[in-house]
Amino acid sequence: LNPQGVFVTYSATGQLKRDLVKAGMTVETLPGPPGKKEMVRAIKN
């Protein structure tokens, strides 16, 4: 990703969030689509 690039996925596991932070991303937990409580968006620092 370029700086400020966006990573999005339907998954919202705790391990994924920790790995994204470790990879230099700022993580957001967003409301998921119908039937799923959460999803993840992360922005590259």
ModelCIF file with pLDDT and N, C-alpha, C, O atoms, coordinates in Angstrom:
data_MODEL
#
_entry.id   MODEL 
#
_entity.id                         1 
_entity.type                       polymer 
_entity.pdbx_number_of_molecules   1 
#
_entity_poly.entity_id                      1 
_entity_poly.type                           'polypeptide(L)' 
_entity_poly.nstd_linkage                   no 
_entity_poly.nstd_monomer                   no 
_entity_poly.pdbx_seq_one_letter_code       LNPQGVFVTYSATGQLKRDLVKAGMTVETLPGPPGKKEMVRAIKN 
_entity_poly.pdbx_seq_one_letter_code_can   LNPQGVFVTYSATGQLKRDLVKAGMTVETLPGPPGKKEMVRAIKN 
_entity_poly.pdbx_strand_id                 A 
#
loop_
_entity_poly_seq.entity_id 
_entity_poly_seq.num 
_entity_poly_seq.mon_id 
_entity_poly_seq.hetero 
1 1  LEU n 
1 2  ASN n 
1 3  PRO n 
1 4  GLN n 
1 5  GLY n 
1 6  VAL n 
1 7  PHE n 
1 8  VAL n 
1 9  THR n 
1 10 TYR n 
1 11 SER n 
1 12 ALA n 
1 13 THR n 
1 14 GLY n 
1 15 GLN n 
1 16 LEU n 
1 17 LYS n 
1 18 ARG n 
1 19 ASP n 
1 20 LEU n 
1 21 VAL n 
1 22 LYS n 
1 23 ALA n 
1 24 GLY n 
1 25 MET n 
1 26 THR n 
1 27 VAL n 
1 28 GLU n 
1 29 THR n 
1 30 LEU n 
1 31 PRO n 
1 32 GLY n 
1 33 PRO n 
1 34 PRO n 
1 35 GLY n 
1 36 LYS n 
1 37 LYS n 
1 38 GLU n 
1 39 MET n 
1 40 VAL n 
1 41 ARG n 
1 42 ALA n 
1 43 ILE n 
1 44 LYS n 
1 45 ASN n 
#
_struct_asym.id          A 
_struct_asym.entity_id   1 
#
loop_
_ma_qa_metric.id 
_ma_qa_metric.mode 
_ma_qa_metric.name 
_ma_qa_metric.software_group_id 
_ma_qa_metric.type 
1 global pLDDT . pLDDT 
2 local  pLDDT . pLDDT 
#
_ma_qa_metric_global.metric_id      1 
_ma_qa_metric_global.metric_value   97.02 
_ma_qa_metric_global.model_id       1 
_ma_qa_metric_global.ordinal_id     1 
#
loop_
_ma_qa_metric_local.label_asym_id 
_ma_qa_metric_local.label_comp_id 
_ma_qa_metric_local.label_seq_id 
_ma_qa_metric_local.metric_id 
_ma_qa_metric_local.metric_value 
_ma_qa_metric_local.model_id 
_ma_qa_metric_local.ordinal_id 
A LEU 1  2 97.00 1 1  
A ASN 2  2 96.00 1 2  
A PRO 3  2 96.00 1 3  
A GLN 4  2 97.00 1 4  
A GLY 5  2 97.00 1 5  
A VAL 6  2 98.00 1 6  
A PHE 7  2 98.00 1 7  
A VAL 8  2 98.00 1 8  
A THR 9  2 98.00 1 9  
A TYR 10 2 97.00 1 10 
A SER 11 2 97.00 1 11 
A ALA 12 2 97.00 1 12 
A THR 13 2 97.00 1 13 
A GLY 14 2 97.00 1 14 
A GLN 15 2 98.00 1 15 
A LEU 16 2 98.00 1 16 
A LYS 17 2 98.00 1 17 
A ARG 18 2 98.00 1 18 
A ASP 19 2 98.00 1 19 
A LEU 20 2 98.00 1 20 
A VAL 21 2 98.00 1 21 
A LYS 22 2 98.00 1 22 
A ALA 23 2 98.00 1 23 
A GLY 24 2 97.00 1 24 
A MET 25 2 98.00 1 25 
A THR 26 2 98.00 1 26 
A VAL 27 2 98.00 1 27 
A GLU 28 2 98.00 1 28 
A THR 29 2 98.00 1 29 
A LEU 30 2 98.00 1 30 
A PRO 31 2 98.00 1 31 
A GLY 32 2 97.00 1 32 
A PRO 33 2 96.00 1 33 
A PRO 34 2 92.00 1 34 
A GLY 35 2 91.00 1 35 
A LYS 36 2 93.00 1 36 
A LYS 37 2 95.00 1 37 
A GLU 38 2 97.00 1 38 
A MET 39 2 98.00 1 39 
A VAL 40 2 98.00 1 40 
A ARG 41 2 98.00 1 41 
A ALA 42 2 98.00 1 42 
A ILE 43 2 98.00 1 43 
A LYS 44 2 97.00 1 44 
A ASN 45 2 93.00 1 45 
#
loop_
_atom_site.group_PDB 
_atom_site.id 
_atom_site.type_symbol 
_atom_site.label_atom_id 
_atom_site.label_alt_id 
_atom_site.label_comp_id 
_atom_site.label_asym_id 
_atom_site.label_entity_id 
_atom_site.label_seq_id 
_atom_site.pdbx_PDB_ins_code 
_atom_site.Cartn_x 
_atom_site.Cartn_y 
_atom_site.Cartn_z 
_atom_site.occupancy 
_atom_site.B_iso_or_equiv 
_atom_site.pdbx_formal_charge 
_atom_site.auth_seq_id 
_atom_site.auth_comp_id 
_atom_site.auth_asym_id 
_atom_site.auth_atom_id 
_atom_site.pdbx_PDB_model_num 
ATOM 1   N N  . LEU A 1 1  ? 0.812   -1.216  0.000  1.00 97.00 ? 1  LEU A N  1 
ATOM 2   C CA . LEU A 1 1  ? 0.000   0.000   0.000  1.00 97.00 ? 1  LEU A CA 1 
ATOM 3   C C  . LEU A 1 1  ? 0.846   1.266   0.000  1.00 97.00 ? 1  LEU A C  1 
ATOM 4   O O  . LEU A 1 1  ? 1.930   1.301   0.582  1.00 97.00 ? 1  LEU A O  1 
ATOM 5   N N  . ASN A 1 2  ? 0.347   2.291   -0.649 1.00 96.00 ? 2  ASN A N  1 
ATOM 6   C CA . ASN A 1 2  ? 0.903   3.623   -0.525 1.00 96.00 ? 2  ASN A CA 1 
ATOM 7   C C  . ASN A 1 2  ? 0.607   4.173   0.871  1.00 96.00 ? 2  ASN A C  1 
ATOM 8   O O  . ASN A 1 2  ? -0.296  3.672   1.541  1.00 96.00 ? 2  ASN A O  1 
ATOM 9   N N  . PRO A 1 3  ? 1.346   5.193   1.328  1.00 96.00 ? 3  PRO A N  1 
ATOM 10  C CA . PRO A 1 3  ? 0.980   5.852   2.579  1.00 96.00 ? 3  PRO A CA 1 
ATOM 11  C C  . PRO A 1 3  ? -0.468  6.326   2.531  1.00 96.00 ? 3  PRO A C  1 
ATOM 12  O O  . PRO A 1 3  ? -0.918  6.870   1.523  1.00 96.00 ? 3  PRO A O  1 
ATOM 13  N N  . GLN A 1 4  ? -1.189  6.117   3.619  1.00 97.00 ? 4  GLN A N  1 
ATOM 14  C CA . GLN A 1 4  ? -2.620  6.404   3.722  1.00 97.00 ? 4  GLN A CA 1 
ATOM 15  C C  . GLN A 1 4  ? -3.480  5.440   2.909  1.00 97.00 ? 4  GLN A C  1 
ATOM 16  O O  . GLN A 1 4  ? -4.682  5.655   2.753  1.00 97.00 ? 4  GLN A O  1 
ATOM 17  N N  . GLY A 1 5  ? -2.862  4.379   2.391  1.00 97.00 ? 5  GLY A N  1 
ATOM 18  C CA . GLY A 1 5  ? -3.618  3.354   1.692  1.00 97.00 ? 5  GLY A CA 1 
ATOM 19  C C  . GLY A 1 5  ? -4.543  2.611   2.641  1.00 97.00 ? 5  GLY A C  1 
ATOM 20  O O  . GLY A 1 5  ? -4.328  2.598   3.853  1.00 97.00 ? 5  GLY A O  1 
ATOM 21  N N  . VAL A 1 6  ? -5.572  1.994   2.080  1.00 98.00 ? 6  VAL A N  1 
ATOM 22  C CA . VAL A 1 6  ? -6.659  1.389   2.856  1.00 98.00 ? 6  VAL A CA 1 
ATOM 23  C C  . VAL A 1 6  ? -6.663  -0.132  2.673  1.00 98.00 ? 6  VAL A C  1 
ATOM 24  O O  . VAL A 1 6  ? -6.598  -0.634  1.551  1.00 98.00 ? 6  VAL A O  1 
ATOM 25  N N  . PHE A 1 7  ? -6.739  -0.845  3.781  1.00 98.00 ? 7  PHE A N  1 
ATOM 26  C CA . PHE A 1 7  ? -6.883  -2.305  3.803  1.00 98.00 ? 7  PHE A CA 1 
ATOM 27  C C  . PHE A 1 7  ? -8.268  -2.600  4.352  1.00 98.00 ? 7  PHE A C  1 
ATOM 28  O O  . PHE A 1 7  ? -8.602  -2.159  5.452  1.00 98.00 ? 7  PHE A O  1 
ATOM 29  N N  . VAL A 1 8  ? -9.086  -3.346  3.600  1.00 98.00 ? 8  VAL A N  1 
ATOM 30  C CA . VAL A 1 8  ? -10.420 -3.687  4.083  1.00 98.00 ? 8  VAL A CA 1 
ATOM 31  C C  . VAL A 1 8  ? -10.667 -5.187  3.947  1.00 98.00 ? 8  VAL A C  1 
ATOM 32  O O  . VAL A 1 8  ? -10.220 -5.834  3.001  1.00 98.00 ? 8  VAL A O  1 
ATOM 33  N N  . THR A 1 9  ? -11.396 -5.710  4.931  1.00 98.00 ? 9  THR A N  1 
ATOM 34  C CA . THR A 1 9  ? -11.775 -7.116  4.917  1.00 98.00 ? 9  THR A CA 1 
ATOM 35  C C  . THR A 1 9  ? -13.021 -7.305  5.777  1.00 98.00 ? 9  THR A C  1 
ATOM 36  O O  . THR A 1 9  ? -13.330 -6.491  6.647  1.00 98.00 ? 9  THR A O  1 
ATOM 37  N N  . TYR A 1 10 ? -13.712 -8.378  5.513  1.00 97.00 ? 10 TYR A N  1 
ATOM 38  C CA . TYR A 1 10 ? -14.905 -8.717  6.293  1.00 97.00 ? 10 TYR A CA 1 
ATOM 39  C C  . TYR A 1 10 ? -14.553 -9.278  7.662  1.00 97.00 ? 10 TYR A C  1 
ATOM 40  O O  . TYR A 1 10 ? -15.387 -9.267  8.567  1.00 97.00 ? 10 TYR A O  1 
ATOM 41  N N  . SER A 1 11 ? -13.327 -9.767  7.826  1.00 97.00 ? 11 SER A N  1 
ATOM 42  C CA . SER A 1 11 ? -12.918 -10.386 9.084  1.00 97.00 ? 11 SER A CA 1 
ATOM 43  C C  . SER A 1 11 ? -12.626 -9.321  10.143 1.00 97.00 ? 11 SER A C  1 
ATOM 44  O O  . SER A 1 11 ? -12.226 -8.202  9.822  1.00 97.00 ? 11 SER A O  1 
ATOM 45  N N  . ALA A 1 12 ? -12.832 -9.687  11.404 1.00 97.00 ? 12 ALA A N  1 
ATOM 46  C CA . ALA A 1 12 ? -12.563 -8.733  12.490 1.00 97.00 ? 12 ALA A CA 1 
ATOM 47  C C  . ALA A 1 12 ? -11.987 -9.463  13.700 1.00 97.00 ? 12 ALA A C  1 
ATOM 48  O O  . ALA A 1 12 ? -12.306 -9.119  14.838 1.00 97.00 ? 12 ALA A O  1 
ATOM 49  N N  . THR A 1 13 ? -11.146 -10.462 13.466 1.00 97.00 ? 13 THR A N  1 
ATOM 50  C CA . THR A 1 13 ? -10.573 -11.201 14.586 1.00 97.00 ? 13 THR A CA 1 
ATOM 51  C C  . THR A 1 13 ? -9.560  -10.346 15.332 1.00 97.00 ? 13 THR A C  1 
ATOM 52  O O  . THR A 1 13 ? -8.947  -9.442  14.764 1.00 97.00 ? 13 THR A O  1 
ATOM 53  N N  . GLY A 1 14 ? -9.400  -10.646 16.600 1.00 97.00 ? 14 GLY A N  1 
ATOM 54  C CA . GLY A 1 14 ? -8.423  -9.918  17.397 1.00 97.00 ? 14 GLY A CA 1 
ATOM 55  C C  . GLY A 1 14 ? -7.015  -10.092 16.870 1.00 97.00 ? 14 GLY A C  1 
ATOM 56  O O  . GLY A 1 14 ? -6.235  -9.140  16.869 1.00 97.00 ? 14 GLY A O  1 
ATOM 57  N N  . GLN A 1 15 ? -6.674  -11.290 16.420 1.00 98.00 ? 15 GLN A N  1 
ATOM 58  C CA . GLN A 1 15 ? -5.332  -11.536 15.898 1.00 98.00 ? 15 GLN A CA 1 
ATOM 59  C C  . GLN A 1 15 ? -5.074  -10.710 14.645 1.00 98.00 ? 15 GLN A C  1 
ATOM 60  O O  . GLN A 1 15 ? -3.985  -10.162 14.476 1.00 98.00 ? 15 GLN A O  1 
ATOM 61  N N  . LEU A 1 16 ? -6.059  -10.618 13.772 1.00 98.00 ? 16 LEU A N  1 
ATOM 62  C CA . LEU A 1 16 ? -5.894  -9.799  12.573 1.00 98.00 ? 16 LEU A CA 1 
ATOM 63  C C  . LEU A 1 16 ? -5.632  -8.349  12.944 1.00 98.00 ? 16 LEU A C  1 
ATOM 64  O O  . LEU A 1 16 ? -4.745  -7.718  12.368 1.00 98.00 ? 16 LEU A O  1 
ATOM 65  N N  . LYS A 1 17 ? -6.372  -7.816  13.880 1.00 98.00 ? 17 LYS A N  1 
ATOM 66  C CA . LYS A 1 17 ? -6.173  -6.419  14.289 1.00 98.00 ? 17 LYS A CA 1 
ATOM 67  C C  . LYS A 1 17 ? -4.776  -6.207  14.858 1.00 98.00 ? 17 LYS A C  1 
ATOM 68  O O  . LYS A 1 17 ? -4.125  -5.205  14.563 1.00 98.00 ? 17 LYS A O  1 
ATOM 69  N N  . ARG A 1 18 ? -4.320  -7.151  15.673 1.00 98.00 ? 18 ARG A N  1 
ATOM 70  C CA . ARG A 1 18 ? -2.971  -7.029  16.242 1.00 98.00 ? 18 ARG A CA 1 
ATOM 71  C C  . ARG A 1 18 ? -1.911  -7.102  15.151 1.00 98.00 ? 18 ARG A C  1 
ATOM 72  O O  . ARG A 1 18 ? -0.921  -6.371  15.191 1.00 98.00 ? 18 ARG A O  1 
ATOM 73  N N  . ASP A 1 19 ? -2.116  -7.978  14.184 1.00 98.00 ? 19 ASP A N  1 
ATOM 74  C CA . ASP A 1 19 ? -1.148  -8.112  13.091 1.00 98.00 ? 19 ASP A CA 1 
ATOM 75  C C  . ASP A 1 19 ? -1.123  -6.870  12.213 1.00 98.00 ? 19 ASP A C  1 
ATOM 76  O O  . ASP A 1 19 ? -0.062  -6.476  11.730 1.00 98.00 ? 19 ASP A O  1 
ATOM 77  N N  . LEU A 1 20 ? -2.255  -6.261  12.007 1.00 98.00 ? 20 LEU A N  1 
ATOM 78  C CA . LEU A 1 20 ? -2.303  -5.036  11.208 1.00 98.00 ? 20 LEU A CA 1 
ATOM 79  C C  . LEU A 1 20 ? -1.568  -3.892  11.904 1.00 98.00 ? 20 LEU A C  1 
ATOM 80  O O  . LEU A 1 20 ? -0.841  -3.134  11.261 1.00 98.00 ? 20 LEU A O  1 
ATOM 81  N N  . VAL A 1 21 ? -1.757  -3.772  13.204 1.00 98.00 ? 21 VAL A N  1 
ATOM 82  C CA . VAL A 1 21 ? -1.024  -2.761  13.964 1.00 98.00 ? 21 VAL A CA 1 
ATOM 83  C C  . VAL A 1 21 ? 0.472   -3.018  13.878 1.00 98.00 ? 21 VAL A C  1 
ATOM 84  O O  . VAL A 1 21 ? 1.259   -2.093  13.677 1.00 98.00 ? 21 VAL A O  1 
ATOM 85  N N  . LYS A 1 22 ? 0.854   -4.264  14.028 1.00 98.00 ? 22 LYS A N  1 
ATOM 86  C CA . LYS A 1 22 ? 2.272   -4.647  13.935 1.00 98.00 ? 22 LYS A CA 1 
ATOM 87  C C  . LYS A 1 22 ? 2.848   -4.333  12.557 1.00 98.00 ? 22 LYS A C  1 
ATOM 88  O O  . LYS A 1 22 ? 4.039   -4.053  12.421 1.00 98.00 ? 22 LYS A O  1 
ATOM 89  N N  . ALA A 1 23 ? 1.999   -4.383  11.545 1.00 98.00 ? 23 ALA A N  1 
ATOM 90  C CA . ALA A 1 23 ? 2.426   -4.112  10.172 1.00 98.00 ? 23 ALA A CA 1 
ATOM 91  C C  . ALA A 1 23 ? 2.421   -2.625  9.836  1.00 98.00 ? 23 ALA A C  1 
ATOM 92  O O  . ALA A 1 23 ? 2.668   -2.248  8.690  1.00 98.00 ? 23 ALA A O  1 
ATOM 93  N N  . GLY A 1 24 ? 2.143   -1.783  10.819 1.00 97.00 ? 24 GLY A N  1 
ATOM 94  C CA . GLY A 1 24 ? 2.221   -0.343  10.609 1.00 97.00 ? 24 GLY A CA 1 
ATOM 95  C C  . GLY A 1 24 ? 0.922   0.313   10.191 1.00 97.00 ? 24 GLY A C  1 
ATOM 96  O O  . GLY A 1 24 ? 0.930   1.356   9.537  1.00 97.00 ? 24 GLY A O  1 
ATOM 97  N N  . MET A 1 25 ? -0.203  -0.297  10.569 1.00 98.00 ? 25 MET A N  1 
ATOM 98  C CA . MET A 1 25 ? -1.502  0.215   10.177 1.00 98.00 ? 25 MET A CA 1 
ATOM 99  C C  . MET A 1 25 ? -2.260  0.769   11.379 1.00 98.00 ? 25 MET A C  1 
ATOM 100 O O  . MET A 1 25 ? -2.073  0.318   12.509 1.00 98.00 ? 25 MET A O  1 
ATOM 101 N N  . THR A 1 26 ? -3.114  1.748   11.119 1.00 98.00 ? 26 THR A N  1 
ATOM 102 C CA . THR A 1 26 ? -4.068  2.224   12.115 1.00 98.00 ? 26 THR A CA 1 
ATOM 103 C C  . THR A 1 26 ? -5.393  1.525   11.856 1.00 98.00 ? 26 THR A C  1 
ATOM 104 O O  . THR A 1 26 ? -5.961  1.638   10.770 1.00 98.00 ? 26 THR A O  1 
ATOM 105 N N  . VAL A 1 27 ? -5.881  0.803   12.855 1.00 98.00 ? 27 VAL A N  1 
ATOM 106 C CA . VAL A 1 27 ? -7.002  -0.111  12.660 1.00 98.00 ? 27 VAL A CA 1 
ATOM 107 C C  . VAL A 1 27 ? -8.314  0.509   13.133 1.00 98.00 ? 27 VAL A C  1 
ATOM 108 O O  . VAL A 1 27 ? -8.380  1.114   14.202 1.00 98.00 ? 27 VAL A O  1 
ATOM 109 N N  . GLU A 1 28 ? -9.354  0.348   12.320 1.00 98.00 ? 28 GLU A N  1 
ATOM 110 C CA . GLU A 1 28 ? -10.697 0.752   12.689 1.00 98.00 ? 28 GLU A CA 1 
ATOM 111 C C  . GLU A 1 28 ? -11.603 -0.486  12.667 1.00 98.00 ? 28 GLU A C  1 
ATOM 112 O O  . GLU A 1 28 ? -11.562 -1.275  11.723 1.00 98.00 ? 28 GLU A O  1 
ATOM 113 N N  . THR A 1 29 ? -12.406 -0.647  13.696 1.00 98.00 ? 29 THR A N  1 
ATOM 114 C CA . THR A 1 29 ? -13.434 -1.683  13.704 1.00 98.00 ? 29 THR A CA 1 
ATOM 115 C C  . THR A 1 29 ? -14.755 -1.027  13.354 1.00 98.00 ? 29 THR A C  1 
ATOM 116 O O  . THR A 1 29 ? -15.246 -0.168  14.086 1.00 98.00 ? 29 THR A O  1 
ATOM 117 N N  . LEU A 1 30 ? -15.327 -1.435  12.231 1.00 98.00 ? 30 LEU A N  1 
ATOM 118 C CA . LEU A 1 30 ? -16.540 -0.818  11.712 1.00 98.00 ? 30 LEU A CA 1 
ATOM 119 C C  . LEU A 1 30 ? -17.712 -1.788  11.807 1.00 98.00 ? 30 LEU A C  1 
ATOM 120 O O  . LEU A 1 30 ? -17.507 -2.996  11.919 1.00 98.00 ? 30 LEU A O  1 
ATOM 121 N N  . PRO A 1 31 ? -18.936 -1.272  11.764 1.00 98.00 ? 31 PRO A N  1 
ATOM 122 C CA . PRO A 1 31 ? -20.091 -2.169  11.701 1.00 98.00 ? 31 PRO A CA 1 
ATOM 123 C C  . PRO A 1 31 ? -20.008 -3.054  10.459 1.00 98.00 ? 31 PRO A C  1 
ATOM 124 O O  . PRO A 1 31 ? -19.683 -2.584  9.369  1.00 98.00 ? 31 PRO A O  1 
ATOM 125 N N  . GLY A 1 32 ? -20.301 -4.320  10.638 1.00 97.00 ? 32 GLY A N  1 
ATOM 126 C CA . GLY A 1 32 ? -20.235 -5.245  9.522  1.00 97.00 ? 32 GLY A CA 1 
ATOM 127 C C  . GLY A 1 32 ? -21.484 -5.201  8.663  1.00 97.00 ? 32 GLY A C  1 
ATOM 128 O O  . GLY A 1 32 ? -22.429 -4.475  8.973  1.00 97.00 ? 32 GLY A O  1 
ATOM 129 N N  . PRO A 1 33 ? -21.496 -5.972  7.585  1.00 96.00 ? 33 PRO A N  1 
ATOM 130 C CA . PRO A 1 33 ? -22.691 -6.075  6.753  1.00 96.00 ? 33 PRO A CA 1 
ATOM 131 C C  . PRO A 1 33 ? -23.776 -6.841  7.487  1.00 96.00 ? 33 PRO A C  1 
ATOM 132 O O  . PRO A 1 33 ? -23.509 -7.395  8.553  1.00 96.00 ? 33 PRO A O  1 
ATOM 133 N N  . PRO A 1 34 ? -24.988 -6.892  6.957  1.00 92.00 ? 34 PRO A N  1 
ATOM 134 C CA . PRO A 1 34 ? -26.063 -7.638  7.613  1.00 92.00 ? 34 PRO A CA 1 
ATOM 135 C C  . PRO A 1 34 ? -25.624 -9.062  7.984  1.00 92.00 ? 34 PRO A C  1 
ATOM 136 O O  . PRO A 1 34 ? -25.064 -9.794  7.169  1.00 92.00 ? 34 PRO A O  1 
ATOM 137 N N  . GLY A 1 35 ? -25.898 -9.423  9.238  1.00 91.00 ? 35 GLY A N  1 
ATOM 138 C CA . GLY A 1 35 ? -25.534 -10.745 9.717  1.00 91.00 ? 35 GLY A CA 1 
ATOM 139 C C  . GLY A 1 35 ? -24.159 -10.833 10.339 1.00 91.00 ? 35 GLY A C  1 
ATOM 140 O O  . GLY A 1 35 ? -23.790 -11.873 10.885 1.00 91.00 ? 35 GLY A O  1 
ATOM 141 N N  . LYS A 1 36 ? -23.385 -9.744  10.264 1.00 93.00 ? 36 LYS A N  1 
ATOM 142 C CA . LYS A 1 36 ? -22.043 -9.752  10.841 1.00 93.00 ? 36 LYS A CA 1 
ATOM 143 C C  . LYS A 1 36 ? -21.846 -8.484  11.649 1.00 93.00 ? 36 LYS A C  1 
ATOM 144 O O  . LYS A 1 36 ? -22.062 -7.383  11.143 1.00 93.00 ? 36 LYS A O  1 
ATOM 145 N N  . LYS A 1 37 ? -21.441 -8.627  12.891 1.00 95.00 ? 37 LYS A N  1 
ATOM 146 C CA . LYS A 1 37 ? -21.372 -7.488  13.799 1.00 95.00 ? 37 LYS A CA 1 
ATOM 147 C C  . LYS A 1 37 ? -20.310 -6.487  13.390 1.00 95.00 ? 37 LYS A C  1 
ATOM 148 O O  . LYS A 1 37 ? -20.544 -5.279  13.427 1.00 95.00 ? 37 LYS A O  1 
ATOM 149 N N  . GLU A 1 38 ? -19.127 -6.987  12.995 1.00 97.00 ? 38 GLU A N  1 
ATOM 150 C CA . GLU A 1 38 ? -17.996 -6.089  12.749 1.00 97.00 ? 38 GLU A CA 1 
ATOM 151 C C  . GLU A 1 38 ? -17.245 -6.458  11.485 1.00 97.00 ? 38 GLU A C  1 
ATOM 152 O O  . GLU A 1 38 ? -17.355 -7.574  10.978 1.00 97.00 ? 38 GLU A O  1 
ATOM 153 N N  . MET A 1 39 ? -16.471 -5.490  10.982 1.00 98.00 ? 39 MET A N  1 
ATOM 154 C CA . MET A 1 39 ? -15.501 -5.683  9.917  1.00 98.00 ? 39 MET A CA 1 
ATOM 155 C C  . MET A 1 39 ? -14.303 -4.781  10.242 1.00 98.00 ? 39 MET A C  1 
ATOM 156 O O  . MET A 1 39 ? -14.349 -4.002  11.195 1.00 98.00 ? 39 MET A O  1 
ATOM 157 N N  . VAL A 1 40 ? -13.253 -4.888  9.463  1.00 98.00 ? 40 VAL A N  1 
ATOM 158 C CA . VAL A 1 40 ? -12.037 -4.125  9.745  1.00 98.00 ? 40 VAL A CA 1 
ATOM 159 C C  . VAL A 1 40 ? -11.637 -3.281  8.534  1.00 98.00 ? 40 VAL A C  1 
ATOM 160 O O  . VAL A 1 40 ? -11.659 -3.729  7.388  1.00 98.00 ? 40 VAL A O  1 
ATOM 161 N N  . ARG A 1 41 ? -11.271 -2.043  8.846  1.00 98.00 ? 41 ARG A N  1 
ATOM 162 C CA . ARG A 1 41 ? -10.582 -1.176  7.886  1.00 98.00 ? 41 ARG A CA 1 
ATOM 163 C C  . ARG A 1 41 ? -9.318  -0.676  8.558  1.00 98.00 ? 41 ARG A C  1 
ATOM 164 O O  . ARG A 1 41 ? -9.344  -0.295  9.729  1.00 98.00 ? 41 ARG A O  1 
ATOM 165 N N  . ALA A 1 42 ? -8.222  -0.674  7.832  1.00 98.00 ? 42 ALA A N  1 
ATOM 166 C CA . ALA A 1 42 ? -6.955  -0.198  8.397  1.00 98.00 ? 42 ALA A CA 1 
ATOM 167 C C  . ALA A 1 42 ? -6.290  0.756   7.418  1.00 98.00 ? 42 ALA A C  1 
ATOM 168 O O  . ALA A 1 42 ? -6.328  0.549   6.205  1.00 98.00 ? 42 ALA A O  1 
ATOM 169 N N  . ILE A 1 43 ? -5.679  1.805   7.960  1.00 98.00 ? 43 ILE A N  1 
ATOM 170 C CA . ILE A 1 43 ? -5.027  2.837   7.149  1.00 98.00 ? 43 ILE A CA 1 
ATOM 171 C C  . ILE A 1 43 ? -3.524  2.767   7.395  1.00 98.00 ? 43 ILE A C  1 
ATOM 172 O O  . ILE A 1 43 ? -3.065  2.664   8.532  1.00 98.00 ? 43 ILE A O  1 
ATOM 173 N N  . LYS A 1 44 ? -2.766  2.827   6.291  1.00 97.00 ? 44 LYS A N  1 
ATOM 174 C CA . LYS A 1 44 ? -1.309  2.742   6.419  1.00 97.00 ? 44 LYS A CA 1 
ATOM 175 C C  . LYS A 1 44 ? -0.742  4.042   6.974  1.00 97.00 ? 44 LYS A C  1 
ATOM 176 O O  . LYS A 1 44 ? -1.048  5.126   6.477  1.00 97.00 ? 44 LYS A O  1 
ATOM 177 N N  . ASN A 1 45 ? 0.082   3.925   8.003  1.00 93.00 ? 45 ASN A N  1 
ATOM 178 C CA . ASN A 1 45 ? 0.673   5.117   8.641  1.00 93.00 ? 45 ASN A CA 1 
ATOM 179 C C  . ASN A 1 45 ? 1.737   5.734   7.758  1.00 93.00 ? 45 ASN A C  1 
ATOM 180 O O  . ASN A 1 45 ? 2.340   6.740   8.130  1.00 93.00 ? 45 ASN A O  1 
#
